[in-house]
Every structure is written in structure tokens, then in C-alpha cells.
PDB file of N, CA and C in Angstrom:
ATOM      1  N   MET A   1    -145.353 -44.713 -26.295  1.00  0.00           N
ATOM      2  CA  MET A   1    -145.717 -43.826 -27.428  1.00  0.00           C
ATOM      3  C   MET A   1    -144.746 -44.054 -28.582  1.00  0.00           C
ATOM      4  N   THR A   2    -145.243 -44.202 -29.802  1.00  0.00           N
ATOM      5  CA  THR A   2    -144.444 -44.464 -30.868  1.00  0.00           C
ATOM      6  C   THR A   2    -144.051 -43.095 -31.548  1.00  0.00           C
ATOM      7  N   GLN A   3    -142.947 -43.063 -32.116  1.00  0.00           N
ATOM      8  CA  GLN A   3    -142.311 -41.789 -32.764  1.00  0.00           C
ATOM      9  C   GLN A   3    -142.764 -41.966 -34.131  1.00  0.00           C
ATOM     10  N   LYS A   4    -143.352 -40.930 -34.813  1.00  0.00           N
ATOM     11  CA  LYS A   4    -143.725 -40.971 -36.260  1.00  0.00           C
ATOM     12  C   LYS A   4    -142.482 -40.442 -37.099  1.00  0.00           C
ATOM     13  N   PHE A   5    -142.187 -41.368 -37.959  1.00  0.00           N
ATOM     14  CA  PHE A   5    -141.004 -41.037 -38.800  1.00  0.00           C
ATOM     15  C   PHE A   5    -141.459 -40.108 -39.918  1.00  0.00           C
ATOM     16  N   GLN A   6    -140.708 -39.229 -40.300  1.00  0.00           N
ATOM     17  CA  GLN A   6    -141.074 -38.277 -41.375  1.00  0.00           C
ATOM     18  C   GLN A   6    -140.062 -38.266 -42.470  1.00  0.00           C
ATOM     19  N   PRO A   7    -140.568 -38.088 -43.722  1.00  0.00           N
ATOM     20  CA  PRO A   7    -139.589 -38.291 -44.873  1.00  0.00           C
ATOM     21  C   PRO A   7    -138.703 -37.004 -44.931  1.00  0.00           C
ATOM     22  N   ILE A   8    -137.568 -37.230 -45.373  1.00  0.00           N
ATOM     23  CA  ILE A   8    -136.458 -36.259 -45.467  1.00  0.00           C
ATOM     24  C   ILE A   8    -135.697 -36.566 -46.775  1.00  0.00           C
ATOM     25  N   SER A   9    -135.319 -35.494 -47.423  1.00  0.00           N
ATOM     26  CA  SER A   9    -134.483 -35.628 -48.715  1.00  0.00           C
ATOM     27  C   SER A   9    -133.125 -35.139 -48.351  1.00  0.00           C
ATOM     28  N   LEU A  10    -132.169 -35.878 -48.701  1.00  0.00           N
ATOM     29  CA  LEU A  10    -130.674 -35.629 -48.637  1.00  0.00           C
ATOM     30  C   LEU A  10    -130.041 -35.709 -49.945  1.00  0.00           C
ATOM     31  N   THR A  11    -129.175 -34.746 -50.168  1.00  0.00           N
ATOM     32  CA  THR A  11    -128.478 -34.683 -51.441  1.00  0.00           C
ATOM     33  C   THR A  11    -126.997 -35.076 -51.209  1.00  0.00           C
ATOM     34  N   ILE A  12    -126.438 -36.070 -51.893  1.00  0.00           N
ATOM     35  CA  ILE A  12    -125.035 -36.512 -51.721  1.00  0.00           C
ATOM     36  C   ILE A  12    -124.545 -36.755 -53.190  1.00  0.00           C
ATOM     37  N   MET A  13    -123.434 -36.010 -53.394  1.00  0.00           N
ATOM     38  CA  MET A  13    -122.921 -35.987 -54.735  1.00  0.00           C
ATOM     39  C   MET A  13    -123.823 -35.821 -55.890  1.00  0.00           C
ATOM     40  N   SER A  14    -124.790 -34.842 -55.636  1.00  0.00           N
ATOM     41  CA  SER A  14    -125.785 -34.452 -56.613  1.00  0.00           C
ATOM     42  C   SER A  14    -126.932 -35.472 -56.920  1.00  0.00           C
ATOM     43  N   LYS A  15    -126.949 -36.401 -55.980  1.00  0.00           N
ATOM     44  CA  LYS A  15    -128.030 -37.450 -56.046  1.00  0.00           C
ATOM     45  C   LYS A  15    -128.845 -37.280 -54.835  1.00  0.00           C
ATOM     46  N   GLU A  16    -130.258 -37.352 -55.019  1.00  0.00           N
ATOM     47  CA  GLU A  16    -131.222 -37.048 -53.942  1.00  0.00           C
ATOM     48  C   GLU A  16    -131.583 -38.449 -53.420  1.00  0.00           C
ATOM     49  N   TYR A  17    -131.554 -38.565 -52.157  1.00  0.00           N
ATOM     50  CA  TYR A  17    -132.036 -39.788 -51.379  1.00  0.00           C
ATOM     51  C   TYR A  17    -133.139 -39.374 -50.421  1.00  0.00           C
ATOM     52  N   LYS A  18    -134.181 -40.058 -50.556  1.00  0.00           N
ATOM     53  CA  LYS A  18    -135.300 -39.752 -49.645  1.00  0.00           C
ATOM     54  C   LYS A  18    -135.460 -40.944 -48.651  1.00  0.00           C
ATOM     55  N   ILE A  19    -135.465 -40.569 -47.362  1.00  0.00           N
ATOM     56  CA  ILE A  19    -135.504 -41.603 -46.309  1.00  0.00           C
ATOM     57  C   ILE A  19    -136.428 -41.225 -45.291  1.00  0.00           C
ATOM     58  N   ALA A  20    -136.953 -42.128 -44.402  1.00  0.00           N
ATOM     59  CA  ALA A  20    -137.715 -41.707 -43.236  1.00  0.00           C
ATOM     60  C   ALA A  20    -136.775 -41.540 -42.127  1.00  0.00           C
ATOM     61  N   CYS A  21    -137.132 -40.490 -41.269  1.00  0.00           N
ATOM     62  CA  CYS A  21    -136.253 -40.055 -40.174  1.00  0.00           C
ATOM     63  C   CYS A  21    -137.171 -39.744 -39.084  1.00  0.00           C
ATOM     64  N   ASP A  22    -136.552 -40.088 -37.766  1.00  0.00           N
ATOM     65  CA  ASP A  22    -137.175 -39.602 -36.584  1.00  0.00           C
ATOM     66  C   ASP A  22    -137.004 -38.072 -36.510  1.00  0.00           C
ATOM     67  N   PRO A  23    -138.001 -37.212 -36.265  1.00  0.00           N
ATOM     68  CA  PRO A  23    -137.866 -35.876 -36.291  1.00  0.00           C
ATOM     69  C   PRO A  23    -136.774 -35.362 -35.363  1.00  0.00           C
ATOM     70  N   ASP A  24    -136.538 -36.034 -34.182  1.00  0.00           N
ATOM     71  CA  ASP A  24    -135.623 -35.680 -33.159  1.00  0.00           C
ATOM     72  C   ASP A  24    -134.138 -35.844 -33.694  1.00  0.00           C
ATOM     73  N   GLU A  25    -133.933 -36.557 -34.833  1.00  0.00           N
ATOM     74  CA  GLU A  25    -132.641 -36.884 -35.286  1.00  0.00           C
ATOM     75  C   GLU A  25    -132.468 -36.216 -36.747  1.00  0.00           C
ATOM     76  N   ARG A  26    -133.303 -35.334 -37.152  1.00  0.00           N
ATOM     77  CA  ARG A  26    -133.296 -34.853 -38.482  1.00  0.00           C
ATOM     78  C   ARG A  26    -132.130 -33.951 -38.565  1.00  0.00           C
ATOM     79  N   ASP A  27    -131.774 -33.041 -37.714  1.00  0.00           N
ATOM     80  CA  ASP A  27    -130.675 -32.132 -37.724  1.00  0.00           C
ATOM     81  C   ASP A  27    -129.331 -32.945 -37.834  1.00  0.00           C
ATOM     82  N   THR A  28    -129.231 -33.813 -36.962  1.00  0.00           N
ATOM     83  CA  THR A  28    -127.948 -34.592 -36.897  1.00  0.00           C
ATOM     84  C   THR A  28    -127.853 -35.415 -38.271  1.00  0.00           C
ATOM     85  N   LEU A  29    -128.999 -35.995 -38.798  1.00  0.00           N
ATOM     86  CA  LEU A  29    -128.701 -36.721 -40.046  1.00  0.00           C
ATOM     87  C   LEU A  29    -128.383 -35.702 -41.227  1.00  0.00           C
ATOM     88  N   VAL A  30    -129.026 -34.518 -41.265  1.00  0.00           N
ATOM     89  CA  VAL A  30    -128.608 -33.609 -42.266  1.00  0.00           C
ATOM     90  C   VAL A  30    -127.183 -33.182 -42.240  1.00  0.00           C
ATOM     91  N   ARG A  31    -126.664 -32.989 -41.087  1.00  0.00           N
ATOM     92  CA  ARG A  31    -125.230 -32.656 -40.798  1.00  0.00           C
ATOM     93  C   ARG A  31    -124.390 -33.771 -41.273  1.00  0.00           C
ATOM     94  N   SER A  32    -124.798 -35.000 -40.954  1.00  0.00           N
ATOM     95  CA  SER A  32    -123.996 -36.247 -41.322  1.00  0.00           C
ATOM     96  C   SER A  32    -123.983 -36.361 -42.837  1.00  0.00           C
ATOM     97  N   ALA A  33    -125.143 -36.098 -43.508  1.00  0.00           N
ATOM     98  CA  ALA A  33    -125.068 -36.133 -44.954  1.00  0.00           C
ATOM     99  C   ALA A  33    -124.305 -35.205 -45.556  1.00  0.00           C
ATOM    100  N   GLN A  34    -124.248 -33.857 -45.067  1.00  0.00           N
ATOM    101  CA  GLN A  34    -123.388 -32.871 -45.553  1.00  0.00           C
ATOM    102  C   GLN A  34    -121.928 -33.217 -45.338  1.00  0.00           C
ATOM    103  N   LEU A  35    -121.626 -33.756 -44.123  1.00  0.00           N
ATOM    104  CA  LEU A  35    -120.191 -34.252 -44.032  1.00  0.00           C
ATOM    105  C   LEU A  35    -119.859 -35.309 -45.023  1.00  0.00           C
ATOM    106  N   LEU A  36    -120.651 -36.293 -45.242  1.00  0.00           N
ATOM    107  CA  LEU A  36    -120.351 -37.374 -46.236  1.00  0.00           C
ATOM    108  C   LEU A  36    -120.364 -36.750 -47.613  1.00  0.00           C
ATOM    109  N   ASP A  37    -121.114 -35.797 -48.006  1.00  0.00           N
ATOM    110  CA  ASP A  37    -121.058 -35.115 -49.311  1.00  0.00           C
ATOM    111  C   ASP A  37    -119.708 -34.382 -49.442  1.00  0.00           C
ATOM    112  N   GLN A  38    -119.302 -33.771 -48.472  1.00  0.00           N
ATOM    113  CA  GLN A  38    -118.005 -33.059 -48.506  1.00  0.00           C
ATOM    114  C   GLN A  38    -116.956 -33.937 -48.691  1.00  0.00           C
ATOM    115  N   GLN A  39    -116.840 -35.061 -47.927  1.00  0.00           N
ATOM    116  CA  GLN A  39    -115.871 -36.135 -48.044  1.00  0.00           C
ATOM    117  C   GLN A  39    -115.800 -36.691 -49.424  1.00  0.00           C
ATOM    118  N   MET A  40    -116.861 -37.058 -49.895  1.00  0.00           N
ATOM    119  CA  MET A  40    -116.914 -37.622 -51.127  1.00  0.00           C
ATOM    120  C   MET A  40    -116.552 -36.694 -52.303  1.00  0.00           C
ATOM    121  N   ARG A  41    -117.043 -35.380 -52.234  1.00  0.00           N
ATOM    122  CA  ARG A  41    -116.447 -34.486 -53.234  1.00  0.00           C
ATOM    123  C   ARG A  41    -115.006 -34.213 -53.192  1.00  0.00           C
ATOM    124  N   LYS A  42    -114.534 -34.122 -51.990  1.00  0.00           N
ATOM    125  CA  LYS A  42    -113.029 -33.920 -51.885  1.00  0.00           C
ATOM    126  C   LYS A  42    -112.318 -35.051 -52.493  1.00  0.00           C
ATOM    127  N   MET A  43    -112.793 -36.284 -52.213  1.00  0.00           N
ATOM    128  CA  MET A  43    -112.146 -37.484 -52.802  1.00  0.00           C
ATOM    129  C   MET A  43    -112.220 -37.489 -54.358  1.00  0.00           C
ATOM    130  N   ARG A  44    -113.396 -37.196 -54.816  1.00  0.00           N
ATOM    131  CA  ARG A  44    -113.637 -37.124 -56.255  1.00  0.00           C
ATOM    132  C   ARG A  44    -112.696 -35.976 -56.980  1.00  0.00           C
ATOM    133  N   ASP A  45    -112.635 -34.913 -56.325  1.00  0.00           N
ATOM    134  CA  ASP A  45    -111.793 -33.838 -56.808  1.00  0.00           C
ATOM    135  C   ASP A  45    -110.389 -34.070 -56.894  1.00  0.00           C
ATOM    136  N   THR A  46    -109.879 -34.959 -56.108  1.00  0.00           N
ATOM    137  CA  THR A  46    -108.489 -35.311 -56.065  1.00  0.00           C
ATOM    138  C   THR A  46    -108.111 -36.071 -57.300  1.00  0.00           C
ATOM    139  N   GLY A  47    -109.062 -36.741 -57.970  1.00  0.00           N
ATOM    140  CA  GLY A  47    -108.832 -37.546 -59.100  1.00  0.00           C
ATOM    141  C   GLY A  47    -108.247 -38.929 -58.860  1.00  0.00           C
ATOM    142  N   LYS A  48    -107.951 -39.171 -57.638  1.00  0.00           N
ATOM    143  CA  LYS A  48    -107.225 -40.534 -57.456  1.00  0.00           C
ATOM    144  C   LYS A  48    -108.127 -41.677 -57.356  1.00  0.00           C
ATOM    145  N   ILE A  49    -109.491 -41.321 -57.022  1.00  0.00           N
ATOM    146  CA  ILE A  49    -110.428 -42.500 -56.877  1.00  0.00           C
ATOM    147  C   ILE A  49    -111.526 -42.232 -58.010  1.00  0.00           C
ATOM    148  N   ASN A  50    -111.684 -43.276 -58.729  1.00  0.00           N
ATOM    149  CA  ASN A  50    -112.776 -43.154 -59.795  1.00  0.00           C
ATOM    150  C   ASN A  50    -113.985 -44.013 -59.457  1.00  0.00           C
ATOM    151  N   GLY A  51    -115.227 -43.534 -59.831  1.00  0.00           N
ATOM    152  CA  GLY A  51    -116.410 -44.253 -59.649  1.00  0.00           C
ATOM    153  C   GLY A  51    -117.052 -43.924 -58.293  1.00  0.00           C
ATOM    154  N   SER A  52    -118.352 -43.637 -58.315  1.00  0.00           N
ATOM    155  CA  SER A  52    -119.090 -43.341 -57.149  1.00  0.00           C
ATOM    156  C   SER A  52    -119.117 -44.298 -56.116  1.00  0.00           C
ATOM    157  N   ASP A  53    -119.166 -45.572 -56.415  1.00  0.00           N
ATOM    158  CA  ASP A  53    -119.072 -46.597 -55.438  1.00  0.00           C
ATOM    159  C   ASP A  53    -117.828 -46.638 -54.663  1.00  0.00           C
ATOM    160  N   ARG A  54    -116.762 -46.558 -55.378  1.00  0.00           N
ATOM    161  CA  ARG A  54    -115.499 -46.645 -54.679  1.00  0.00           C
ATOM    162  C   ARG A  54    -115.248 -45.302 -53.872  1.00  0.00           C
ATOM    163  N   ILE A  55    -115.718 -44.190 -54.310  1.00  0.00           N
ATOM    164  CA  ILE A  55    -115.636 -42.998 -53.597  1.00  0.00           C
ATOM    165  C   ILE A  55    -116.462 -43.093 -52.205  1.00  0.00           C
ATOM    166  N   ALA A  56    -117.678 -43.591 -52.327  1.00  0.00           N
ATOM    167  CA  ALA A  56    -118.543 -43.876 -51.209  1.00  0.00           C
ATOM    168  C   ALA A  56    -117.937 -44.789 -50.310  1.00  0.00           C
ATOM    169  N   VAL A  57    -117.227 -45.885 -50.679  1.00  0.00           N
ATOM    170  CA  VAL A  57    -116.745 -46.830 -49.851  1.00  0.00           C
ATOM    171  C   VAL A  57    -115.507 -46.244 -49.125  1.00  0.00           C
ATOM    172  N   MET A  58    -114.739 -45.473 -49.739  1.00  0.00           N
ATOM    173  CA  MET A  58    -113.566 -44.899 -49.199  1.00  0.00           C
ATOM    174  C   MET A  58    -113.989 -43.754 -48.205  1.00  0.00           C
ATOM    175  N   ALA A  59    -114.975 -43.069 -48.485  1.00  0.00           N
ATOM    176  CA  ALA A  59    -115.471 -41.925 -47.580  1.00  0.00           C
ATOM    177  C   ALA A  59    -116.116 -42.569 -46.297  1.00  0.00           C
ATOM    178  N   ALA A  60    -116.697 -43.691 -46.484  1.00  0.00           N
ATOM    179  CA  ALA A  60    -117.356 -44.498 -45.285  1.00  0.00           C
ATOM    180  C   ALA A  60    -116.202 -44.973 -44.561  1.00  0.00           C
ATOM    181  N   LEU A  61    -115.148 -45.529 -45.098  1.00  0.00           N
ATOM    182  CA  LEU A  61    -114.063 -46.113 -44.340  1.00  0.00           C
ATOM    183  C   LEU A  61    -113.273 -45.019 -43.697  1.00  0.00           C
ATOM    184  N   ASN A  62    -113.062 -43.869 -44.235  1.00  0.00           N
ATOM    185  CA  ASN A  62    -112.493 -42.758 -43.597  1.00  0.00           C
ATOM    186  C   ASN A  62    -113.277 -42.291 -42.345  1.00  0.00           C
ATOM    187  N   LEU A  63    -114.553 -42.061 -42.633  1.00  0.00           N
ATOM    188  CA  LEU A  63    -115.439 -41.670 -41.518  1.00  0.00           C
ATOM    189  C   LEU A  63    -115.454 -42.662 -40.324  1.00  0.00           C
ATOM    190  N   SER A  64    -115.546 -43.910 -40.690  1.00  0.00           N
ATOM    191  CA  SER A  64    -115.565 -45.029 -39.666  1.00  0.00           C
ATOM    192  C   SER A  64    -114.155 -44.874 -38.918  1.00  0.00           C
ATOM    193  N   HIS A  65    -113.201 -44.834 -39.619  1.00  0.00           N
ATOM    194  CA  HIS A  65    -111.825 -44.786 -38.953  1.00  0.00           C
ATOM    195  C   HIS A  65    -111.733 -43.558 -37.925  1.00  0.00           C
ATOM    196  N   GLU A  66    -112.349 -42.394 -38.374  1.00  0.00           N
ATOM    197  CA  GLU A  66    -112.300 -41.159 -37.512  1.00  0.00           C
ATOM    198  C   GLU A  66    -113.152 -41.512 -36.263  1.00  0.00           C
ATOM    199  N   LEU A  67    -114.286 -42.254 -36.499  1.00  0.00           N
ATOM    200  CA  LEU A  67    -115.194 -42.561 -35.406  1.00  0.00           C
ATOM    201  C   LEU A  67    -114.573 -43.486 -34.441  1.00  0.00           C
ATOM    202  N   GLU A  68    -113.898 -44.430 -34.893  1.00  0.00           N
ATOM    203  CA  GLU A  68    -113.095 -45.306 -34.046  1.00  0.00           C
ATOM    204  C   GLU A  68    -112.144 -44.579 -33.158  1.00  0.00           C
ATOM    205  N   ILE A  69    -111.392 -43.642 -33.770  1.00  0.00           N
ATOM    206  CA  ILE A  69    -110.362 -42.904 -33.061  1.00  0.00           C
ATOM    207  C   ILE A  69    -111.075 -42.133 -31.837  1.00  0.00           C
ATOM    208  N   VAL A  70    -112.144 -41.507 -32.125  1.00  0.00           N
ATOM    209  CA  VAL A  70    -112.896 -40.689 -31.281  1.00  0.00           C
ATOM    210  C   VAL A  70    -113.464 -41.573 -30.083  1.00  0.00           C
ATOM    211  N   LYS A  71    -113.954 -42.716 -30.471  1.00  0.00           N
ATOM    212  CA  LYS A  71    -114.451 -43.620 -29.438  1.00  0.00           C
ATOM    213  C   LYS A  71    -113.344 -44.199 -28.546  1.00  0.00           C
ATOM    214  N   ASN A  72    -112.241 -44.458 -29.059  1.00  0.00           N
ATOM    215  CA  ASN A  72    -111.086 -44.867 -28.304  1.00  0.00           C
ATOM    216  C   ASN A  72    -110.614 -43.726 -27.232  1.00  0.00           C
ATOM    217  N   GLN A  73    -110.587 -42.469 -27.867  1.00  0.00           N
ATOM    218  CA  GLN A  73    -110.238 -41.305 -26.938  1.00  0.00           C
ATOM    219  C   GLN A  73    -111.314 -41.206 -25.915  1.00  0.00           C
ATOM    220  N   ASN A  74    -112.508 -41.363 -26.242  1.00  0.00           N
ATOM    221  CA  ASN A  74    -113.630 -41.108 -25.304  1.00  0.00           C
ATOM    222  C   ASN A  74    -113.413 -42.204 -24.231  1.00  0.00           C
ATOM    223  N   ALA A  75    -113.194 -43.415 -24.575  1.00  0.00           N
ATOM    224  CA  ALA A  75    -112.891 -44.484 -23.567  1.00  0.00           C
ATOM    225  C   ALA A  75    -111.804 -44.120 -22.634  1.00  0.00           C
ATOM    226  N   LEU A  76    -110.669 -43.778 -23.143  1.00  0.00           N
ATOM    227  CA  LEU A  76    -109.537 -43.495 -22.406  1.00  0.00           C
ATOM    228  C   LEU A  76    -109.943 -42.378 -21.432  1.00  0.00           C
ATOM    229  N   LEU A  77    -110.577 -41.248 -21.982  1.00  0.00           N
ATOM    230  CA  LEU A  77    -110.888 -40.165 -21.104  1.00  0.00           C
ATOM    231  C   LEU A  77    -111.880 -40.605 -20.010  1.00  0.00           C
ATOM    232  N   SER A  78    -112.795 -41.405 -20.271  1.00  0.00           N
ATOM    233  CA  SER A  78    -113.761 -41.968 -19.260  1.00  0.00           C
ATOM    234  C   SER A  78    -113.078 -42.767 -18.215  1.00  0.00           C
ATOM    235  N   GLN A  79    -112.067 -43.496 -18.589  1.00  0.00           N
ATOM    236  CA  GLN A  79    -111.224 -44.307 -17.649  1.00  0.00           C
ATOM    237  C   GLN A  79    -110.460 -43.386 -16.695  1.00  0.00           C
ATOM    238  N   GLN A  80    -109.862 -42.408 -17.297  1.00  0.00           N
ATOM    239  CA  GLN A  80    -109.037 -41.384 -16.563  1.00  0.00           C
ATOM    240  C   GLN A  80    -109.840 -40.550 -15.543  1.00  0.00           C
ATOM    241  N   LEU A  81    -111.250 -40.173 -16.084  1.00  0.00           N
ATOM    242  CA  LEU A  81    -111.981 -39.527 -15.299  1.00  0.00           C
ATOM    243  C   LEU A  81    -112.446 -40.371 -13.970  1.00  0.00           C
ATOM    244  N   GLY A  82    -112.761 -41.630 -14.377  1.00  0.00           N
ATOM    245  CA  GLY A  82    -113.165 -42.587 -13.301  1.00  0.00           C
ATOM    246  C   GLY A  82    -112.006 -42.739 -12.218  1.00  0.00           C
ATOM    247  N   GLU A  83    -110.784 -42.850 -12.693  1.00  0.00           N
ATOM    248  CA  GLU A  83    -109.710 -42.883 -11.790  1.00  0.00           C
ATOM    249  C   GLU A  83    -109.569 -41.719 -10.996  1.00  0.00           C
ATOM    250  N   CYS A  84    -109.762 -40.519 -11.485  1.00  0.00           N
ATOM    251  CA  CYS A  84    -109.701 -39.297 -10.845  1.00  0.00           C
ATOM    252  C   CYS A  84    -110.695 -39.146  -9.872  1.00  0.00           C
ATOM    253  N   LEU A  85    -111.940 -39.541 -10.035  1.00  0.00           N
ATOM    254  CA  LEU A  85    -113.139 -39.528  -9.181  1.00  0.00           C
ATOM    255  C   LEU A  85    -112.863 -40.437  -8.010  1.00  0.00           C
ATOM    256  N   ASP A  86    -112.324 -41.680  -8.267  1.00  0.00           N
ATOM    257  CA  ASP A  86    -111.959 -42.571  -7.255  1.00  0.00           C
ATOM    258  C   ASP A  86    -110.983 -42.001  -6.237  1.00  0.00           C
ATOM    259  N   HIS A  87    -109.973 -41.430  -6.800  1.00  0.00           N
ATOM    260  CA  HIS A  87    -108.957 -40.682  -6.015  1.00  0.00           C
ATOM    261  C   HIS A  87    -109.593 -39.592  -5.054  1.00  0.00           C
ATOM    262  N   ILE A  88    -110.469 -38.768  -5.669  1.00  0.00           N
ATOM    263  CA  ILE A  88    -111.088 -37.694  -4.938  1.00  0.00           C
ATOM    264  C   ILE A  88    -111.930 -38.265  -3.848  1.00  0.00           C
ATOM    265  N   ARG A  89    -112.743 -39.346  -4.222  1.00  0.00           N
ATOM    266  CA  ARG A  89    -113.565 -40.031  -3.228  1.00  0.00           C
ATOM    267  C   ARG A  89    -112.808 -40.614  -2.076  1.00  0.00           C
ATOM    268  N   ASN A  90    -111.571 -41.377  -2.404  1.00  0.00           N
ATOM    269  CA  ASN A  90    -110.754 -41.770  -1.307  1.00  0.00           C
ATOM    270  C   ASN A  90    -110.313 -40.617  -0.485  1.00  0.00           C
ATOM    271  N   LYS A  91    -109.885 -39.550  -1.049  1.00  0.00           N
ATOM    272  CA  LYS A  91    -109.443 -38.434  -0.075  1.00  0.00           C
ATOM    273  C   LYS A  91    -110.685 -37.908   0.772  1.00  0.00           C
ATOM    274  N   ILE A  92    -111.827 -37.840   0.271  1.00  0.00           N
ATOM    275  CA  ILE A  92    -112.939 -37.340   0.964  1.00  0.00           C
ATOM    276  C   ILE A  92    -113.138 -38.347   2.066  1.00  0.00           C
ATOM    277  N   GLU A  93    -113.148 -39.753   1.926  1.00  0.00           N
ATOM    278  CA  GLU A  93    -113.466 -40.750   2.810  1.00  0.00           C
ATOM    279  C   GLU A  93    -112.292 -40.698   3.879  1.00  0.00           C
ATOM    280  N   ASN A  94    -111.137 -40.479   3.613  1.00  0.00           N
ATOM    281  CA  ASN A  94    -110.068 -40.370   4.546  1.00  0.00           C
ATOM    282  C   ASN A  94    -110.224 -39.182   5.560  1.00  0.00           C
ATOM    283  N   VAL A  95    -110.725 -38.104   4.916  1.00  0.00           N
ATOM    284  CA  VAL A  95    -110.865 -36.869   5.792  1.00  0.00           C
ATOM    285  C   VAL A  95    -112.134 -37.077   6.653  1.00  0.00           C
ATOM    286  N   LEU A  96    -113.194 -37.785   6.189  1.00  0.00           N
ATOM    287  CA  LEU A  96    -114.268 -38.059   7.040  1.00  0.00           C
ATOM    288  C   LEU A  96    -113.973 -39.088   8.031  1.00  0.00           C
ATOM    289  N   ASP A  97    -113.132 -40.050   7.660  1.00  0.00           N
ATOM    290  CA  ASP A  97    -112.818 -41.182   8.831  1.00  0.00           C
ATOM    291  C   ASP A  97    -111.876 -40.788   9.721  1.00  0.00           C
ATOM    292  N   ASN A  98    -111.024 -39.721   9.358  1.00  0.00           N
ATOM    293  CA  ASN A  98    -109.930 -39.226  10.227  1.00  0.00           C
ATOM    294  C   ASN A  98    -109.963 -37.647  10.439  1.00  0.00           C
ATOM    295  N   PRO A  99    -111.064 -37.175  10.974  1.00  0.00           N
ATOM    296  CA  PRO A  99    -111.151 -35.731  11.230  1.00  0.00           C
ATOM    297  C   PRO A  99    -109.964 -35.174  11.958  1.00  0.00           C
ATOM    298  N   GLN A 100    -109.507 -34.017  11.673  1.00  0.00           N
ATOM    299  CA  GLN A 100    -108.507 -33.423  12.308  1.00  0.00           C
ATOM    300  C   GLN A 100    -109.175 -32.479  13.372  1.00  0.00           C
ATOM    301  N   THR A 101    -108.781 -32.656  14.494  1.00  0.00           N
ATOM    302  CA  THR A 101    -109.348 -31.663  15.613  1.00  0.00           C
ATOM    303  C   THR A 101    -108.250 -30.700  16.023  1.00  0.00           C
ATOM    304  N   GLU A 102    -108.757 -29.540  16.334  1.00  0.00           N
ATOM    305  CA  GLU A 102    -107.694 -28.511  16.621  1.00  0.00           C
ATOM    306  C   GLU A 102    -107.806 -28.207  18.101  1.00  0.00           C
TER     307      GLU A 102
END
């Protein structure tokens, strides 16, 4: 079954962008556009970066950096969880292999 894409309008830095979007991803895309708009406006308002293109690149770089940090944290947590589950599984196997009789 093919998903029908629907048009959506997003406003970033007072410019409207119309794109096709999977209806299931609409809310996430709207929130992402709002986050990008906030980041770009914050950079523009500092006055340190001039030009929409430069602001967009810097905002994208900052958001990509944040994403990489979260991905690395997620990978570390997944590894720690795996180690914890292995430890618990080993304890359970030891108990089952060596039952204590009273």
C-alpha cells in the first residue's frame, strides 16, 4: 500500500515553504520547522551572523551537532542496557542451573 503525500506549508524566517509530506510525519515535521525557525531567529537577533544563507547553515550545523550528541548518548545507553541485561540473564541462568534446595 502506498502512502499518499499531502502538501504542507511551513514558515521559516517569515518565508513560506510548501512541501509534500507523509501524513504520519506531519506533526513531527511541523515541530522540526518550528525548532529551525526558533534557532534561526535567535541567531539573527544576536546580530553576529549576517545573511539568511549563513544563518541557515549555522542553524543546521548546530542542530546536526545536537543530533550527533544525542545519538552518541543513545548508543552508550543501549550498550549499558545490553550489558545490564546480559548480567541479569547470567544470574538467572546460574540460579536455574544451580537450584538451592532446602
